[in-house]
N, C-alpha and C. Protein backbone atom coordinates (compact mmCIF):
# COMPACT_ATOMS: atom_id res chain seq x y z
N GLN A 1 101.39 25.78 129.32
CA GLN A 1 102.10 24.85 130.20
C GLN A 1 102.00 25.30 131.65
N VAL A 2 102.40 26.54 131.92
CA VAL A 2 102.34 27.10 133.26
C VAL A 2 101.65 28.45 133.20
N GLN A 3 100.68 28.65 134.06
CA GLN A 3 100.02 29.93 134.23
C GLN A 3 100.21 30.41 135.66
N LEU A 4 100.55 31.68 135.82
CA LEU A 4 100.88 32.24 137.11
C LEU A 4 99.92 33.37 137.45
N VAL A 5 99.41 33.38 138.67
CA VAL A 5 98.49 34.41 139.13
C VAL A 5 99.03 35.01 140.41
N GLU A 6 99.33 36.31 140.37
CA GLU A 6 99.86 37.02 141.53
C GLU A 6 98.74 37.71 142.29
N SER A 7 98.95 37.88 143.59
CA SER A 7 98.03 38.62 144.42
C SER A 7 98.78 39.20 145.61
N GLY A 8 98.16 40.15 146.29
CA GLY A 8 98.72 40.70 147.51
C GLY A 8 99.30 42.09 147.40
N GLY A 9 99.37 42.63 146.20
CA GLY A 9 99.88 43.98 146.05
C GLY A 9 98.89 45.00 146.58
N GLY A 10 99.38 46.23 146.71
CA GLY A 10 98.52 47.29 147.21
C GLY A 10 99.31 48.49 147.64
N LEU A 11 98.65 49.36 148.38
CA LEU A 11 99.23 50.59 148.89
C LEU A 11 99.55 50.43 150.36
N VAL A 12 100.75 50.80 150.75
CA VAL A 12 101.18 50.67 152.13
C VAL A 12 102.07 51.86 152.49
N GLN A 13 102.05 52.25 153.75
CA GLN A 13 102.92 53.32 154.21
C GLN A 13 104.34 52.81 154.44
N ALA A 14 105.30 53.72 154.33
CA ALA A 14 106.68 53.36 154.61
C ALA A 14 106.80 52.72 155.99
N GLY A 15 107.57 51.64 156.05
CA GLY A 15 107.72 50.89 157.28
C GLY A 15 106.75 49.74 157.42
N GLY A 16 105.76 49.68 156.55
CA GLY A 16 104.77 48.64 156.61
C GLY A 16 105.19 47.37 155.89
N SER A 17 104.26 46.42 155.81
CA SER A 17 104.55 45.11 155.24
C SER A 17 103.46 44.69 154.27
N LEU A 18 103.85 43.88 153.31
CA LEU A 18 102.93 43.22 152.40
C LEU A 18 103.43 41.81 152.15
N ARG A 19 102.51 40.92 151.82
CA ARG A 19 102.87 39.56 151.43
C ARG A 19 102.29 39.26 150.06
N LEU A 20 103.15 39.03 149.08
CA LEU A 20 102.73 38.68 147.74
C LEU A 20 102.65 37.17 147.60
N SER A 21 101.68 36.73 146.81
CA SER A 21 101.53 35.31 146.52
C SER A 21 101.48 35.11 145.02
N CYS A 22 102.01 33.99 144.58
CA CYS A 22 101.96 33.61 143.17
C CYS A 22 101.60 32.14 143.11
N THR A 23 100.45 31.84 142.54
CA THR A 23 99.97 30.48 142.44
C THR A 23 100.06 30.01 140.99
N ALA A 24 100.60 28.82 140.81
CA ALA A 24 100.86 28.28 139.48
C ALA A 24 99.90 27.15 139.14
N SER A 25 99.61 27.03 137.86
CA SER A 25 98.86 25.90 137.36
C SER A 25 99.81 24.74 137.10
N GLY A 26 99.24 23.59 136.75
CA GLY A 26 100.05 22.45 136.39
C GLY A 26 100.32 21.53 137.57
N SER A 27 100.93 20.39 137.27
CA SER A 27 101.17 19.36 138.27
C SER A 27 102.64 19.18 138.61
N ASP A 28 103.52 20.01 138.05
CA ASP A 28 104.95 19.85 138.24
C ASP A 28 105.57 21.07 138.89
N PHE A 29 104.86 21.68 139.84
CA PHE A 29 105.34 22.91 140.46
C PHE A 29 106.70 22.72 141.13
N SER A 30 106.92 21.57 141.74
CA SER A 30 108.15 21.35 142.47
C SER A 30 109.38 21.36 141.57
N THR A 31 109.20 21.20 140.27
CA THR A 31 110.31 21.23 139.33
C THR A 31 110.57 22.64 138.77
N ASN A 32 109.81 23.62 139.23
CA ASN A 32 109.98 25.00 138.79
C ASN A 32 110.89 25.76 139.74
N ALA A 33 111.98 26.32 139.22
CA ALA A 33 112.65 27.38 139.95
C ALA A 33 111.77 28.62 139.86
N MET A 34 111.64 29.35 140.95
CA MET A 34 110.72 30.48 141.01
C MET A 34 111.46 31.75 141.40
N GLY A 35 110.91 32.87 140.96
CA GLY A 35 111.51 34.14 141.29
C GLY A 35 110.51 35.27 141.30
N TRP A 36 110.87 36.32 142.02
CA TRP A 36 110.13 37.57 142.01
C TRP A 36 111.02 38.65 141.41
N TYR A 37 110.46 39.39 140.47
CA TYR A 37 111.13 40.52 139.83
C TYR A 37 110.27 41.76 140.02
N ARG A 38 110.88 42.91 139.84
CA ARG A 38 110.10 44.15 139.90
C ARG A 38 110.60 45.13 138.85
N GLN A 39 109.70 46.02 138.46
CA GLN A 39 110.03 47.03 137.47
C GLN A 39 109.33 48.33 137.84
N ALA A 40 110.13 49.35 138.07
CA ALA A 40 109.62 50.68 138.33
C ALA A 40 109.57 51.46 137.03
N PRO A 41 108.73 52.49 136.94
CA PRO A 41 108.64 53.27 135.70
C PRO A 41 109.99 53.82 135.27
N GLY A 42 110.32 53.62 134.00
CA GLY A 42 111.57 54.11 133.46
C GLY A 42 112.80 53.31 133.82
N LYS A 43 112.63 52.19 134.51
CA LYS A 43 113.76 51.37 134.92
C LYS A 43 113.64 49.96 134.36
N GLN A 44 114.76 49.26 134.32
CA GLN A 44 114.77 47.88 133.86
C GLN A 44 114.18 46.95 134.92
N ARG A 45 113.63 45.84 134.46
CA ARG A 45 113.16 44.83 135.38
C ARG A 45 114.36 44.20 136.09
N GLU A 46 114.24 44.03 137.40
CA GLU A 46 115.34 43.50 138.19
C GLU A 46 114.89 42.34 139.06
N LEU A 47 115.81 41.44 139.31
CA LEU A 47 115.55 40.33 140.22
C LEU A 47 115.46 40.84 141.64
N VAL A 48 114.41 40.45 142.34
CA VAL A 48 114.24 40.77 143.75
C VAL A 48 114.66 39.59 144.61
N ALA A 49 114.14 38.42 144.31
CA ALA A 49 114.44 37.22 145.08
C ALA A 49 114.17 36.00 144.23
N GLY A 50 114.96 34.96 144.43
CA GLY A 50 114.78 33.71 143.74
C GLY A 50 114.85 32.54 144.70
N ILE A 51 114.20 31.45 144.31
CA ILE A 51 114.25 30.23 145.11
C ILE A 51 114.34 29.06 144.15
N THR A 52 115.29 28.17 144.42
CA THR A 52 115.55 27.04 143.54
C THR A 52 114.60 25.89 143.83
N ARG A 53 114.69 24.85 142.99
CA ARG A 53 113.90 23.64 143.21
C ARG A 53 114.25 22.99 144.54
N GLY A 54 115.47 23.18 145.00
CA GLY A 54 115.90 22.62 146.26
C GLY A 54 115.67 23.52 147.45
N GLY A 55 115.15 24.73 147.23
CA GLY A 55 114.83 25.61 148.33
C GLY A 55 115.88 26.64 148.67
N SER A 56 116.98 26.69 147.93
CA SER A 56 117.98 27.72 148.16
C SER A 56 117.45 29.06 147.68
N THR A 57 117.82 30.13 148.37
CA THR A 57 117.31 31.47 148.06
C THR A 57 118.44 32.43 147.76
N ASN A 58 118.10 33.47 147.01
CA ASN A 58 119.02 34.57 146.78
C ASN A 58 118.21 35.85 146.66
N TYR A 59 118.85 36.97 147.02
CA TYR A 59 118.16 38.25 147.10
C TYR A 59 119.00 39.36 146.49
N ALA A 60 118.32 40.35 145.96
CA ALA A 60 118.99 41.58 145.60
C ALA A 60 119.52 42.25 146.86
N ASP A 61 120.68 42.90 146.74
CA ASP A 61 121.27 43.55 147.90
C ASP A 61 120.32 44.56 148.54
N SER A 62 119.50 45.20 147.73
CA SER A 62 118.62 46.24 148.22
C SER A 62 117.50 45.73 149.12
N VAL A 63 117.23 44.43 149.09
CA VAL A 63 116.13 43.88 149.89
C VAL A 63 116.58 42.88 150.93
N LYS A 64 117.86 42.56 150.97
CA LYS A 64 118.36 41.60 151.95
C LYS A 64 118.05 42.07 153.37
N GLY A 65 117.54 41.15 154.17
CA GLY A 65 117.18 41.48 155.53
C GLY A 65 115.78 42.01 155.69
N ARG A 66 115.13 42.35 154.59
CA ARG A 66 113.77 42.89 154.64
C ARG A 66 112.74 41.99 153.97
N PHE A 67 113.14 41.32 152.89
CA PHE A 67 112.23 40.47 152.12
C PHE A 67 112.60 39.01 152.33
N THR A 68 111.60 38.14 152.27
CA THR A 68 111.81 36.70 152.37
C THR A 68 110.98 35.99 151.32
N ILE A 69 111.63 35.15 150.51
CA ILE A 69 110.93 34.34 149.53
C ILE A 69 110.79 32.93 150.08
N SER A 70 109.65 32.32 149.83
CA SER A 70 109.41 30.95 150.26
C SER A 70 108.47 30.27 149.27
N ARG A 71 108.39 28.95 149.37
CA ARG A 71 107.49 28.23 148.47
C ARG A 71 106.78 27.12 149.23
N ASP A 72 105.57 26.82 148.78
CA ASP A 72 104.77 25.74 149.31
C ASP A 72 104.38 24.88 148.12
N ASN A 73 105.09 23.79 147.92
CA ASN A 73 104.86 22.97 146.74
C ASN A 73 103.48 22.32 146.74
N ALA A 74 102.96 22.00 147.91
CA ALA A 74 101.64 21.40 147.99
C ALA A 74 100.56 22.36 147.51
N LYS A 75 100.76 23.66 147.77
CA LYS A 75 99.82 24.68 147.34
C LYS A 75 100.19 25.28 145.99
N LYS A 76 101.30 24.85 145.42
CA LYS A 76 101.79 25.37 144.14
C LYS A 76 101.92 26.89 144.19
N THR A 77 102.47 27.39 145.28
CA THR A 77 102.52 28.82 145.53
C THR A 77 103.90 29.24 146.01
N VAL A 78 104.33 30.39 145.52
CA VAL A 78 105.53 31.03 146.02
C VAL A 78 105.12 32.36 146.64
N TYR A 79 105.79 32.73 147.74
CA TYR A 79 105.45 33.93 148.48
C TYR A 79 106.63 34.88 148.53
N LEU A 80 106.32 36.15 148.68
CA LEU A 80 107.33 37.16 148.96
C LEU A 80 106.83 38.00 150.13
N GLN A 81 107.41 37.78 151.30
CA GLN A 81 107.10 38.59 152.47
C GLN A 81 107.98 39.82 152.44
N MET A 82 107.37 40.99 152.43
CA MET A 82 108.08 42.25 152.32
C MET A 82 107.85 43.06 153.58
N ASN A 83 108.90 43.29 154.34
CA ASN A 83 108.85 44.06 155.56
C ASN A 83 109.66 45.34 155.41
N SER A 84 109.41 46.28 156.30
CA SER A 84 110.13 47.56 156.31
C SER A 84 110.14 48.20 154.93
N LEU A 85 108.99 48.23 154.30
CA LEU A 85 108.90 48.76 152.94
C LEU A 85 109.23 50.24 152.89
N GLN A 86 109.90 50.63 151.83
CA GLN A 86 110.31 52.00 151.59
C GLN A 86 109.80 52.47 150.24
N PRO A 87 109.70 53.78 150.03
CA PRO A 87 109.21 54.29 148.75
C PRO A 87 109.96 53.74 147.54
N GLU A 88 111.25 53.48 147.67
CA GLU A 88 112.02 52.94 146.55
C GLU A 88 111.63 51.51 146.19
N ASP A 89 110.81 50.86 147.00
CA ASP A 89 110.29 49.54 146.68
C ASP A 89 109.08 49.60 145.76
N THR A 90 108.57 50.79 145.50
CA THR A 90 107.41 50.95 144.65
C THR A 90 107.72 50.46 143.24
N ALA A 91 106.90 49.53 142.74
CA ALA A 91 107.13 48.93 141.43
C ALA A 91 105.99 47.95 141.15
N VAL A 92 105.96 47.46 139.92
CA VAL A 92 105.15 46.31 139.59
C VAL A 92 105.99 45.07 139.84
N TYR A 93 105.46 44.15 140.61
CA TYR A 93 106.16 42.93 140.96
C TYR A 93 105.64 41.77 140.13
N TYR A 94 106.56 41.02 139.54
CA TYR A 94 106.23 39.92 138.65
C TYR A 94 106.76 38.60 139.18
N CYS A 95 105.97 37.57 139.04
CA CYS A 95 106.36 36.21 139.38
C CYS A 95 106.89 35.53 138.12
N ARG A 96 107.95 34.74 138.27
CA ARG A 96 108.51 33.99 137.15
C ARG A 96 108.70 32.54 137.52
N ALA A 97 108.35 31.66 136.59
CA ALA A 97 108.57 30.22 136.75
C ALA A 97 109.53 29.74 135.68
N ASP A 98 110.48 28.92 136.09
CA ASP A 98 111.48 28.35 135.20
C ASP A 98 111.39 26.84 135.29
N PRO A 99 110.58 26.20 134.46
CA PRO A 99 110.42 24.75 134.55
C PRO A 99 111.69 24.00 134.20
N LEU A 100 111.88 22.88 134.84
CA LEU A 100 113.06 22.06 134.61
C LEU A 100 113.13 21.59 133.16
N ARG A 101 114.25 21.87 132.50
CA ARG A 101 114.58 21.35 131.18
C ARG A 101 113.61 21.77 130.08
N LEU A 102 112.78 22.77 130.31
CA LEU A 102 111.81 23.17 129.31
C LEU A 102 112.44 24.09 128.26
N GLY A 103 113.35 24.96 128.68
CA GLY A 103 114.03 25.84 127.76
C GLY A 103 113.47 27.25 127.68
N TYR A 104 112.41 27.56 128.38
CA TYR A 104 111.86 28.90 128.44
C TYR A 104 111.12 29.10 129.74
N VAL A 105 110.81 30.36 130.05
CA VAL A 105 110.21 30.70 131.33
C VAL A 105 108.82 31.28 131.13
N PHE A 106 108.08 31.38 132.24
CA PHE A 106 106.73 31.93 132.24
C PHE A 106 106.66 33.08 133.22
N TRP A 107 105.88 34.09 132.86
CA TRP A 107 105.71 35.29 133.68
C TRP A 107 104.26 35.49 134.07
N GLY A 108 104.04 35.98 135.28
CA GLY A 108 102.72 36.41 135.68
C GLY A 108 102.40 37.77 135.13
N GLN A 109 101.18 38.23 135.39
CA GLN A 109 100.73 39.52 134.88
C GLN A 109 101.28 40.71 135.65
N GLY A 110 101.72 40.49 136.86
CA GLY A 110 102.26 41.55 137.69
C GLY A 110 101.24 42.09 138.67
N THR A 111 101.73 42.57 139.80
CA THR A 111 100.89 43.20 140.80
C THR A 111 101.58 44.46 141.31
N GLN A 112 100.83 45.54 141.43
CA GLN A 112 101.39 46.84 141.80
C GLN A 112 101.61 46.92 143.30
N VAL A 113 102.79 47.36 143.68
CA VAL A 113 103.11 47.68 145.07
C VAL A 113 103.49 49.15 145.13
N THR A 114 102.78 49.91 145.94
CA THR A 114 103.05 51.33 146.09
C THR A 114 103.29 51.63 147.57
N VAL A 115 104.42 52.25 147.85
CA VAL A 115 104.81 52.59 149.22
C VAL A 115 104.85 54.10 149.34
N SER A 116 104.04 54.65 150.22
CA SER A 116 103.99 56.08 150.42
C SER A 116 104.96 56.50 151.52
N SER A 117 105.51 57.69 151.38
CA SER A 117 106.47 58.20 152.35
C SER A 117 105.80 58.86 153.53
């Protein structure tokens, strides 16, 4: 139903920036609530940022003021702009799509973000 492809991860020094992208298949992208999650080794997967079908956003306290989630429905893409990156941001970042009224969600393969001190 929905396939997600993430890009933009990589290695960056502390204080630097990265922009993650997640592009979805299908023709009903605007009906998907979207989110970015991350998982560090030995830790649970956690919500980083979410954006609703109406464009409302929410963020984990740890990234407020540094990360920005946005979506471009015409491009079927959700973005995560990450500024002032710190070593504790190092994790695999996953894109999630929650289609309207479908009853289950879809996950991307993940992209590695590594921040050196």
